[in-house]
Protein backbone atom coordinates (compact mmCIF):
# COMPACT_ATOMS: atom_id res chain seq x y z
CA UNK A 1 -0.10 0.20 0.37
CA UNK A 2 0.83 3.51 -0.39
CA UNK A 3 1.96 6.16 1.72
CA UNK A 4 -1.70 7.59 0.94
CA UNK A 5 -4.26 4.68 1.42
CA UNK A 6 -2.16 4.15 4.85
CA UNK A 7 -3.84 7.52 5.71
CA UNK A 8 -7.73 7.00 5.04
CA UNK A 9 -6.78 3.97 7.69
CA UNK A 10 -9.58 4.38 10.18
CA UNK A 11 -7.22 3.01 13.76
CA UNK A 12 -10.66 1.76 14.83
CA UNK A 13 -11.13 -0.70 12.81
CA UNK A 14 -8.90 -2.17 13.94
CA UNK A 15 -10.32 -1.89 17.58
CA UNK A 16 -13.55 -3.36 15.99
CA UNK A 17 -11.66 -7.05 15.38
CA UNK A 18 -9.72 -7.35 18.68
CA UNK A 19 -13.78 -6.72 20.43
CA UNK A 20 -15.46 -8.88 17.45
CA UNK A 21 -12.97 -11.59 18.17
CA UNK A 22 -13.14 -11.35 22.15
CA UNK A 23 -16.91 -11.75 21.64
CA UNK A 24 -16.35 -14.76 20.08
CA UNK A 25 -14.09 -16.48 22.44
CA UNK A 26 -16.71 -15.37 25.18
CA UNK A 27 -19.44 -17.11 23.30
CA UNK A 28 -17.68 -19.84 22.26
CA UNK A 29 -16.72 -20.25 26.25
CA UNK A 30 -20.46 -19.89 27.45
CA UNK A 31 -21.33 -22.46 24.36
CA UNK A 32 -18.52 -25.20 26.26
CA UNK A 33 -19.37 -24.27 29.60
CA UNK A 34 -21.86 -23.17 30.85
CA UNK A 35 -23.05 -20.88 33.44
CA UNK A 36 -23.77 -23.18 36.64
CA UNK A 37 -25.98 -21.49 39.32
CA UNK A 38 -22.48 -20.90 42.40
CA UNK A 39 -23.44 -23.89 44.83
CA UNK A 40 -25.20 -23.80 47.66
CA UNK A 41 -24.29 -25.95 50.80
CA UNK A 42 -25.73 -28.94 51.91
CA UNK A 43 -27.78 -27.36 54.66
CA UNK A 44 -29.55 -25.64 52.18
CA UNK A 45 -29.64 -27.46 49.28
CA UNK A 46 -32.10 -30.43 50.46
CA UNK A 47 -33.21 -32.97 48.37
CA UNK A 48 -31.71 -33.31 44.71
CA UNK A 49 -34.12 -31.89 42.16
CA UNK A 50 -36.29 -34.96 39.89
CA UNK A 51 -35.15 -36.05 37.34
CA UNK A 52 -37.14 -35.08 34.01
CA UNK A 53 -39.96 -36.65 33.51
CA UNK A 54 -40.68 -38.09 30.24
CA UNK A 55 -44.45 -37.77 28.62
CA UNK A 56 -44.68 -42.07 28.38
CA UNK A 57 -46.69 -41.32 24.99
CA UNK A 58 -44.51 -39.62 22.92
CA UNK A 59 -42.27 -41.43 21.04
CA UNK A 60 -39.92 -38.63 20.39
CA UNK A 61 -38.51 -35.63 21.12
CA UNK A 62 -37.29 -32.39 19.17
CA UNK A 63 -34.52 -30.22 19.46
CA UNK A 64 -36.63 -27.08 20.79
CA UNK A 65 -38.85 -29.86 23.14
CA UNK A 66 -35.64 -31.42 24.47
CA UNK A 67 -34.56 -27.40 25.53
CA UNK A 68 -37.59 -26.99 27.40
CA UNK A 69 -37.42 -30.54 29.16
CA UNK A 70 -34.04 -30.71 30.18
CA UNK A 71 -32.99 -26.78 30.41
CA UNK A 72 -30.10 -27.40 28.36
CA UNK A 73 -28.85 -25.40 25.26
CA UNK A 74 -29.34 -26.22 21.65
CA UNK A 75 -25.96 -26.58 21.45
CA UNK A 76 -25.75 -29.07 24.02
CA UNK A 77 -27.46 -31.30 22.03
CA UNK A 78 -26.19 -31.16 19.04
CA UNK A 79 -22.55 -31.52 21.11
CA UNK A 80 -23.94 -34.63 22.68
CA UNK A 81 -25.05 -35.46 18.91
CA UNK A 82 -22.02 -35.15 17.75
CA UNK A 83 -19.96 -37.16 19.78
CA UNK A 84 -22.40 -39.56 19.76
CA UNK A 85 -23.72 -39.60 23.45
CA UNK A 86 -27.39 -38.92 21.64
CA UNK A 87 -28.93 -40.89 19.22
CA UNK A 88 -30.54 -38.85 16.55
CA UNK A 89 -32.41 -38.90 13.15
CA UNK A 90 -34.04 -37.04 11.30
CA UNK A 91 -37.07 -36.77 9.50
CA UNK A 92 -37.48 -33.84 6.59
CA UNK A 93 -36.36 -30.68 8.03
CA UNK A 94 -36.63 -31.55 11.30
CA UNK A 95 -34.03 -33.32 14.45
CA UNK A 96 -35.72 -35.88 16.24
CA UNK A 97 -34.34 -38.07 19.32
CA UNK A 98 -35.90 -40.87 20.23
CA UNK A 99 -37.72 -40.95 23.30
CA UNK A 100 -35.90 -44.19 24.65
CA UNK A 101 -32.40 -42.89 23.28
CA UNK A 102 -33.51 -39.90 25.43
CA UNK A 103 -33.93 -41.64 28.26
CA UNK A 104 -30.97 -44.21 27.83
CA UNK A 105 -28.69 -40.77 27.82
CA UNK A 106 -30.07 -39.44 30.17
CA UNK A 107 -29.64 -42.06 32.29
CA UNK A 108 -26.04 -42.05 31.36
CA UNK A 109 -25.31 -38.53 33.00
CA UNK A 110 -23.13 -39.20 36.76
CA UNK A 111 -24.35 -38.43 39.41
CA UNK A 112 -23.95 -35.50 41.00
CA UNK A 113 -22.76 -35.52 44.32
């Protein structure tokens, strides 16, 4: 580039890209490590929450239904599918998880102590 082209360069552009890179890094951290509430003392904990109750009449769940039912992000669901921890099937343009596969995936979760 010539010296005259450098004079017209706005120095804020590089700052903008630096901030965008930081934003992307934070989004990746959020996706990979979802926020969990601070751990309470044993006295304040009480009984652990019951596992999600699955509708026994349903044969399959969409990713959106899983998110509502289990309370996890769609990224976490798709990551489990990618890692072959959770089996999914495609039906047209929808991704479905069979109820039996969902139960097996939930049962494989480690117990929290």
